[in-house]
Protein backbone atom coordinates (compact mmCIF):
# COMPACT_ATOMS: atom_id res chain seq x y z
CA MET A 1 -0.01 -0.01 0.00
CA ILE A 2 1.35 3.41 -0.95
CA GLN A 3 2.25 5.46 2.07
CA ARG A 4 0.13 8.64 2.18
CA GLU A 5 1.73 11.89 3.27
CA LEU A 6 -1.11 12.73 5.49
CA GLU A 7 -0.89 9.63 7.66
CA LYS A 8 1.71 10.98 10.07
CA GLN A 9 -0.05 14.38 10.16
CA LEU A 10 -3.35 12.81 11.11
CA THR A 11 -1.99 10.50 13.83
CA SER A 12 0.03 13.40 15.29
CA LYS A 13 -3.22 15.15 16.15
CA PHE A 14 -4.81 12.19 17.98
CA PHE A 15 -6.37 12.86 21.35
CA ARG A 16 -5.90 16.59 21.42
CA GLY A 17 -9.51 17.27 22.03
CA LYS A 18 -10.41 18.09 18.35
CA VAL A 19 -12.22 16.29 15.60
CA ILE A 20 -10.12 15.44 12.51
CA VAL A 21 -12.02 16.27 9.29
CA LEU A 22 -10.70 14.60 6.17
CA ILE A 23 -12.05 15.79 2.82
CA GLY A 24 -11.19 15.02 -0.73
CA ALA A 25 -12.62 13.79 -4.02
CA ARG A 26 -14.20 10.33 -4.24
CA GLN A 27 -11.75 7.49 -4.87
CA THR A 28 -8.69 9.41 -3.60
CA GLY A 29 -8.24 6.97 -0.86
CA LYS A 30 -9.74 8.52 2.30
CA THR A 31 -11.44 5.38 3.50
CA THR A 32 -8.34 3.27 2.78
CA LEU A 33 -6.12 5.72 4.63
CA VAL A 34 -8.37 5.81 7.73
CA LYS A 35 -8.56 1.99 7.75
CA LYS A 36 -4.82 1.78 7.65
CA ILE A 37 -4.44 4.30 10.46
CA VAL A 38 -7.03 2.40 12.60
CA LYS A 39 -5.23 -0.92 12.10
CA LYS A 40 -1.74 0.51 12.88
CA SER A 41 -3.02 2.26 15.97
CA GLY A 42 -4.19 -0.87 17.65
CA LEU A 43 -7.04 1.12 19.22
CA ASP A 44 -10.53 -0.07 19.64
CA ALA A 45 -12.55 1.64 16.86
CA ILE A 46 -16.13 1.90 15.82
CA TRP A 47 -17.05 2.75 12.20
CA PHE A 48 -20.09 4.57 11.02
CA SER A 49 -20.96 5.16 7.37
CA GLY A 50 -23.14 7.97 6.22
CA ASP A 51 -24.11 5.93 3.23
CA ASP A 52 -26.29 3.77 5.50
CA TYR A 53 -29.79 4.94 6.18
CA ILE A 54 -30.01 3.67 9.79
CA THR A 55 -26.59 5.19 10.62
CA ARG A 56 -27.78 8.52 9.35
CA GLU A 57 -30.88 8.27 11.52
CA GLU A 58 -29.02 7.33 14.66
CA LEU A 59 -26.21 9.92 14.35
CA GLY A 60 -28.79 12.58 13.57
CA LYS A 61 -30.27 12.23 17.07
CA HIS A 62 -28.50 14.98 19.05
CA SER A 63 -28.80 13.55 22.52
CA ILE A 64 -25.65 13.42 24.56
CA SER A 65 -26.68 10.20 26.24
CA HIS A 66 -27.73 8.57 22.90
CA LEU A 67 -24.40 9.47 21.14
CA LYS A 68 -22.49 8.14 24.24
CA SER A 69 -24.34 4.87 23.97
CA LEU A 70 -23.38 4.57 20.23
CA VAL A 71 -19.72 5.27 20.95
CA GLY A 72 -19.67 2.93 23.93
CA ASN A 73 -16.03 2.24 25.07
CA HIS A 74 -14.42 2.67 21.74
CA LYS A 75 -11.44 5.16 21.60
CA LEU A 76 -11.59 5.83 17.79
CA VAL A 77 -14.80 6.98 16.16
CA ILE A 78 -14.83 6.97 12.48
CA ILE A 79 -17.71 8.65 10.46
CA ASP A 80 -17.27 8.00 6.81
CA GLU A 81 -19.23 10.03 4.21
CA ALA A 82 -20.24 12.29 7.04
CA GLN A 83 -21.85 14.81 4.66
CA TYR A 84 -24.93 12.69 4.36
CA ILE A 85 -25.80 12.91 8.13
CA ASN A 86 -28.29 15.50 9.02
CA ASN A 87 -26.71 18.40 11.09
CA ILE A 88 -23.48 16.41 11.40
CA GLY A 89 -21.75 19.54 12.79
CA LEU A 90 -23.84 19.38 15.99
CA THR A 91 -23.23 15.67 16.37
CA LEU A 92 -19.50 16.13 16.10
CA LYS A 93 -19.57 19.01 18.54
CA ILE A 94 -21.46 16.98 21.09
CA MET A 95 -18.90 14.12 20.72
CA ALA A 96 -15.90 16.60 21.02
CA ASP A 97 -17.42 18.44 24.10
CA HIS A 98 -19.13 15.64 25.97
CA ILE A 99 -17.42 12.41 25.31
CA PRO A 100 -13.86 12.56 26.69
CA GLY A 101 -11.04 10.29 25.69
CA ILE A 102 -12.14 9.61 22.15
CA GLN A 103 -10.76 10.64 18.77
CA VAL A 104 -13.29 11.25 16.07
CA ILE A 105 -12.38 11.18 12.41
CA ALA A 106 -15.07 12.44 9.89
CA THR A 107 -14.50 12.07 6.18
CA GLY A 108 -16.44 13.57 3.32
CA SER A 109 -16.15 13.86 -0.53
CA SER A 110 -17.60 17.28 -0.91
CA SER A 111 -16.66 20.43 0.90
CA PHE A 112 -19.92 22.30 0.16
CA ASP A 113 -21.89 19.77 2.25
CA LEU A 114 -19.40 18.67 4.97
CA LEU A 115 -17.51 21.88 5.65
CA ASN A 116 -20.56 24.05 5.50
CA ALA A 117 -22.13 21.78 8.07
CA VAL A 118 -19.15 21.72 10.53
CA ASN A 119 -17.43 25.02 10.22
CA GLU A 120 -19.54 26.97 12.65
CA PRO A 121 -20.31 24.22 15.23
CA LEU A 122 -16.68 23.08 15.26
CA THR A 123 -15.02 26.49 15.44
CA GLY A 124 -11.81 25.76 17.34
CA ARG A 125 -12.60 22.06 17.65
CA LYS A 126 -11.33 20.54 14.40
CA TRP A 127 -8.25 19.81 12.39
CA GLU A 128 -9.02 19.88 8.66
CA TYR A 129 -7.14 18.01 5.91
CA LEU A 130 -7.49 17.55 2.19
CA LEU A 131 -6.44 14.27 0.48
CA PHE A 132 -5.50 14.60 -3.09
CA PRO A 133 -4.92 12.05 -5.73
CA LEU A 134 -1.46 10.47 -5.19
CA SER A 135 1.24 13.02 -5.24
CA TYR A 136 4.66 12.80 -6.96
CA ASN A 137 6.32 12.64 -3.45
CA GLU A 138 4.15 9.69 -2.49
CA LEU A 139 4.92 7.87 -5.72
CA ILE A 140 8.63 8.23 -5.57
CA ASN A 141 8.71 7.17 -1.94
CA HIS A 142 6.75 4.01 -2.82
CA TYR A 143 8.55 3.12 -6.06
CA ASP A 144 11.81 5.17 -6.71
CA PRO A 145 12.68 8.49 -8.34
CA ILE A 146 14.00 6.96 -11.52
CA SER A 147 11.03 4.76 -12.11
CA GLU A 148 8.52 7.46 -11.37
CA LYS A 149 10.30 9.97 -13.70
CA GLY A 150 10.07 7.33 -16.44
CA LEU A 151 6.31 7.25 -15.91
CA LEU A 152 5.88 11.03 -16.38
CA ASN A 153 4.21 10.61 -19.76
CA HIS A 154 1.87 8.06 -18.33
CA ARG A 155 0.88 10.48 -15.46
CA LEU A 156 0.28 13.28 -17.97
CA ILE A 157 -2.34 11.18 -19.69
CA PHE A 158 -3.85 8.94 -17.05
CA GLY A 159 -3.22 10.93 -13.90
CA SER A 160 -2.59 9.73 -10.32
CA TYR A 161 -5.71 8.43 -8.72
CA PRO A 162 -4.79 5.43 -6.56
CA GLU A 163 -6.66 2.77 -8.68
CA ILE A 164 -5.26 4.06 -11.85
CA VAL A 165 -1.72 3.92 -10.52
CA GLU A 166 -2.15 0.47 -8.93
CA LYS A 167 -4.08 -1.27 -11.75
CA LYS A 168 -1.93 -0.76 -14.78
CA GLY A 169 -3.37 -1.85 -18.11
CA ASN A 170 -7.02 -0.85 -17.36
CA GLU A 171 -6.59 2.91 -17.28
CA HIS A 172 -9.14 3.71 -19.93
CA GLU A 173 -11.86 1.65 -18.40
CA LEU A 174 -11.22 2.65 -14.84
CA LEU A 175 -11.13 6.33 -15.72
CA GLN A 176 -14.38 6.09 -17.55
CA LEU A 177 -15.99 4.35 -14.53
CA LEU A 178 -14.47 6.82 -12.18
CA THR A 179 -15.76 9.83 -14.15
CA SER A 180 -19.28 8.40 -14.85
CA ASN A 181 -19.87 6.87 -11.46
CA TYR A 182 -18.17 9.24 -9.06
CA LEU A 183 -17.12 12.58 -10.59
CA TYR A 184 -20.54 14.19 -10.60
CA LYS A 185 -22.25 12.14 -7.87
CA ASP A 186 -22.09 14.68 -5.07
CA LEU A 187 -22.95 17.52 -7.51
CA LEU A 188 -25.94 15.85 -9.33
CA ILE A 189 -27.73 14.98 -6.10
CA HIS A 190 -27.28 18.46 -4.72
CA GLU A 191 -30.44 20.55 -4.65
CA GLN A 192 -28.73 23.58 -6.29
CA ILE A 193 -28.09 21.66 -9.50
CA LYS A 194 -31.20 22.46 -11.53
CA LYS A 195 -29.73 21.43 -14.89
CA PRO A 196 -27.40 18.44 -14.67
CA GLN A 197 -26.64 18.59 -18.40
CA ILE A 198 -25.13 21.98 -18.03
CA ILE A 199 -22.47 20.61 -15.45
CA GLU A 200 -21.24 18.03 -18.01
CA LYS A 201 -21.03 20.64 -20.79
CA LEU A 202 -19.28 23.06 -18.49
CA VAL A 203 -16.66 20.59 -17.31
CA ARG A 204 -15.91 19.64 -20.97
CA ALA A 205 -15.63 23.31 -21.88
CA LEU A 206 -13.18 23.92 -18.96
CA ALA A 207 -11.15 20.94 -19.95
CA PHE A 208 -10.56 22.41 -23.38
CA GLN A 209 -9.49 25.74 -21.77
CA VAL A 210 -6.80 24.46 -19.38
CA SER A 211 -3.87 26.87 -19.27
CA ASN A 212 -5.93 29.67 -20.88
CA GLU A 213 -7.76 32.46 -19.23
CA VAL A 214 -11.43 31.75 -18.68
CA SER A 215 -14.30 34.04 -19.48
CA TYR A 216 -17.49 33.29 -17.66
CA GLY A 217 -19.34 35.13 -20.39
CA GLU A 218 -17.89 32.90 -23.07
CA LEU A 219 -18.56 29.78 -21.10
CA ALA A 220 -22.19 30.85 -20.63
CA GLN A 221 -22.61 31.18 -24.32
CA THR A 222 -20.88 27.86 -24.98
CA VAL A 223 -22.91 25.75 -22.60
CA GLY A 224 -26.30 27.68 -22.95
CA ALA A 225 -26.55 29.15 -19.41
CA ASP A 226 -26.44 32.55 -17.77
CA ILE A 227 -23.27 33.91 -16.09
CA GLN A 228 -24.66 33.51 -12.54
CA THR A 229 -25.25 29.76 -13.16
CA ILE A 230 -21.69 29.36 -14.53
CA GLU A 231 -20.29 31.10 -11.49
CA LYS A 232 -22.27 28.98 -9.11
CA TYR A 233 -21.48 25.70 -10.88
CA ILE A 234 -17.74 26.45 -11.10
CA ASP A 235 -17.79 27.12 -7.35
CA MET A 236 -19.50 23.78 -6.76
CA LEU A 237 -17.07 21.98 -9.10
CA GLU A 238 -14.21 23.48 -7.02
CA LYS A 239 -15.82 22.35 -3.74
CA ALA A 240 -16.20 18.84 -5.16
CA PHE A 241 -12.40 18.79 -5.87
CA ILE A 242 -12.80 18.47 -9.60
CA VAL A 243 -11.19 21.84 -10.60
CA PHE A 244 -9.43 24.73 -8.80
CA ARG A 245 -8.94 28.32 -9.84
CA LEU A 246 -6.07 30.60 -10.11
CA TYR A 247 -6.51 34.38 -10.21
CA GLY A 248 -4.31 36.99 -11.79
CA LEU A 249 -1.83 38.72 -9.63
CA SER A 250 -2.42 42.44 -9.49
CA ARG A 251 -0.68 44.80 -7.19
CA ASN A 252 1.50 47.53 -8.75
CA LEU A 253 1.08 47.79 -12.55
CA ARG A 254 -1.89 49.69 -13.97
CA ASN A 255 -2.14 47.44 -17.00
CA GLU A 256 -2.25 44.12 -15.07
CA ILE A 257 -5.49 42.33 -15.65
CA LYS A 258 -7.26 42.36 -12.31
CA LYS A 259 -10.21 40.02 -12.67
CA SER A 260 -8.85 37.27 -14.89
CA ARG A 261 -8.72 33.58 -13.84
CA LYS A 262 -7.47 30.24 -15.07
CA ILE A 263 -9.02 26.90 -14.12
CA TYR A 264 -7.16 23.66 -13.74
CA PHE A 265 -8.11 20.06 -12.98
CA TYR A 266 -6.96 18.28 -9.80
CA ASP A 267 -6.00 15.36 -12.00
CA ASN A 268 -4.87 15.05 -15.60
CA GLY A 269 -6.56 11.61 -16.04
CA ILE A 270 -10.00 13.12 -15.22
CA ARG A 271 -9.32 16.07 -17.66
CA ASN A 272 -8.40 13.68 -20.47
CA THR A 273 -11.35 11.46 -19.79
CA VAL A 274 -13.72 14.44 -20.03
CA ILE A 275 -12.51 15.35 -23.51
CA GLY A 276 -12.11 11.68 -24.51
CA ASN A 277 -8.43 11.90 -25.51
CA PHE A 278 -5.93 9.38 -24.33
CA SER A 279 -3.51 9.78 -27.22
CA PRO A 280 0.11 9.48 -26.22
CA VAL A 281 2.29 12.48 -25.35
CA SER A 282 4.23 12.23 -28.63
CA SER A 283 1.04 13.02 -30.65
CA ARG A 284 -0.65 15.51 -28.48
CA THR A 285 -1.28 19.01 -29.72
CA ASP A 286 -2.22 20.10 -26.18
CA ILE A 287 1.05 18.87 -24.51
CA GLY A 288 1.77 22.42 -23.16
CA ALA A 289 -1.62 22.52 -21.39
CA LEU A 290 -1.18 18.98 -20.09
CA TRP A 291 2.22 19.76 -18.66
CA GLU A 292 1.09 23.00 -17.12
CA ASN A 293 -1.89 21.35 -15.48
CA TYR A 294 0.25 18.48 -14.16
CA PHE A 295 2.93 20.72 -12.57
CA ILE A 296 0.54 23.22 -11.02
CA SER A 297 -1.73 20.52 -9.59
CA GLU A 298 1.36 18.61 -8.17
CA ARG A 299 2.76 21.89 -6.76
CA LYS A 300 -0.65 22.37 -5.10
CA LYS A 301 -0.36 18.97 -3.43
CA PHE A 302 3.17 19.79 -2.39
CA LEU A 303 2.30 23.03 -0.66
CA ALA A 304 -0.70 21.56 1.01
CA TYR A 305 1.07 18.61 2.52
CA ALA A 306 3.95 20.85 3.59
CA ASN A 307 1.47 23.15 5.37
CA ASP A 308 2.80 26.02 3.19
CA TYR A 309 0.05 28.64 2.84
CA SER A 310 1.46 30.56 -0.13
CA ASN A 311 -1.02 32.47 -2.21
CA CYS A 312 -0.98 31.25 -5.81
CA TYR A 313 -1.60 33.25 -8.98
CA PHE A 314 -0.64 33.74 -12.63
CA TRP A 315 0.30 37.10 -14.08
CA ARG A 316 -0.62 38.83 -17.40
CA THR A 317 -0.85 42.28 -18.74
CA HIS A 318 -2.98 43.90 -21.46
CA ALA A 319 0.11 43.87 -23.55
CA GLN A 320 0.10 40.06 -23.38
CA GLN A 321 3.14 39.74 -21.12
CA GLU A 322 2.61 36.80 -18.90
CA ILE A 323 3.97 34.38 -16.36
CA ASP A 324 2.45 30.88 -15.99
CA TYR A 325 2.46 30.57 -12.21
CA ILE A 326 3.41 32.61 -9.12
CA GLU A 327 3.48 31.91 -5.34
CA GLU A 328 3.43 34.72 -2.86
CA LYS A 329 4.44 34.25 0.75
CA ASP A 330 5.48 36.99 3.29
CA GLY A 331 6.02 39.41 0.47
CA ILE A 332 8.33 37.20 -1.52
CA LEU A 333 7.23 36.01 -4.91
CA LYS A 334 8.28 32.77 -6.75
CA ALA A 335 7.62 33.03 -10.42
CA PHE A 336 7.44 29.86 -12.57
CA GLU A 337 7.51 29.50 -16.37
CA ILE A 338 6.35 25.95 -17.07
CA LYS A 339 7.80 24.69 -20.52
CA TRP A 340 7.57 21.20 -22.05
CA ASN A 341 10.54 21.96 -24.25
CA PRO A 342 13.69 22.34 -22.04
CA LEU A 343 15.54 24.08 -24.81
CA LYS A 344 13.15 26.82 -25.27
CA LYS A 345 14.61 30.14 -24.07
CA VAL A 346 12.60 31.96 -21.44
CA LYS A 347 12.89 35.60 -20.54
CA PHE A 348 10.83 36.98 -17.66
CA PRO A 349 9.24 40.40 -18.50
CA ALA A 350 11.31 43.31 -17.42
CA SER A 351 8.11 45.07 -16.24
CA PHE A 352 7.35 42.24 -13.80
CA LEU A 353 10.96 42.17 -12.52
CA LYS A 354 10.90 45.91 -11.96
CA ALA A 355 7.50 45.89 -10.28
CA TYR A 356 8.26 43.02 -8.08
CA PRO A 357 11.94 43.16 -7.21
CA SER A 358 11.63 40.72 -4.27
CA ASN A 359 11.24 37.62 -6.32
CA GLU A 360 12.59 34.33 -7.48
CA THR A 361 12.33 33.09 -11.02
CA ASN A 362 12.22 29.50 -12.04
CA VAL A 363 11.91 27.69 -15.46
CA VAL A 364 10.25 24.32 -15.01
CA HIS A 365 10.64 21.53 -17.53
CA PRO A 366 10.68 17.66 -17.55
CA GLY A 367 14.36 17.64 -16.62
CA ASN A 368 14.01 19.56 -13.43
CA PHE A 369 10.44 19.42 -12.33
CA ALA A 370 11.13 17.01 -9.43
CA ASP A 371 13.29 19.67 -7.72
CA PHE A 372 10.02 21.67 -7.02
CA LEU A 373 7.93 18.72 -5.77
CA ASN A 374 9.89 17.09 -3.08
């Protein structure tokens, strides 16, 4: 089993009086990770699943004595798919406040349901973690750096979901199942989704625009919806961990574009499944977009697991000067140009270097990308 980077972080928080909330897209391995932690801990654990109707009924009863009777003498309390339990935030608050000596772990596959439900009741009472598809660091630690670098082209096409990595040879079929059975599940059952077909059209449109700036107005025309619906659905896609947004950096220059945004996929395999293109890297016309999506999503994993809270942007001016990716922390900028061709000369815009003198510039390509991911 591939060692997940969050395992040590989660266990280090045990029995500190707070609930551990583990979120992430479906099939990223949340349940597998928690089962491994429970097994290695040797602690007596009880497992509840929000998928079960009776469990939802019982955990939805907010009586201290009732919840104590459900927990019994168990030390670990696992609530899987907790977003399906009515008023789960209050349930978790009661457990945290009134059942001493236990550690509660709640998992969920959609932040718009689970986090909305627990944020207020669990203020100051929770540790929150996001589990991604497998990271580059996790893969090189399980295999080895040379082998994993040799699989770069494979990751660019098929991504890094655990099942895709572990069951080589069935990538097409597994990704189709993953996308059709799980990708939209939390979204399509949500009461705010009035037109499910719009979601699928929107995801496909976003997949074709990876690495490019996104216009909500153009998307609205493409999928046949109004701008407000596009904004709402993109927000929900982000909270279901399918895509994430980068906004344009704007601080000093008058001609910087202030309200621009790019949208990336958390996983290349999902993106390629949506557009139905599994052609090899050698024949791809979109290799630049694939490479940019891969590196930025991997860098996002790296920062999250390192508890690095840098702000992330891209940069562009009306004069079409641009930088692919920027991180800002404590006033220091790290600028990245992400190039598939390592021989291509890169020159950072003089206007950027003058406006932001406290910066570090990097050119990322297949020969050195690992230096920025571990």
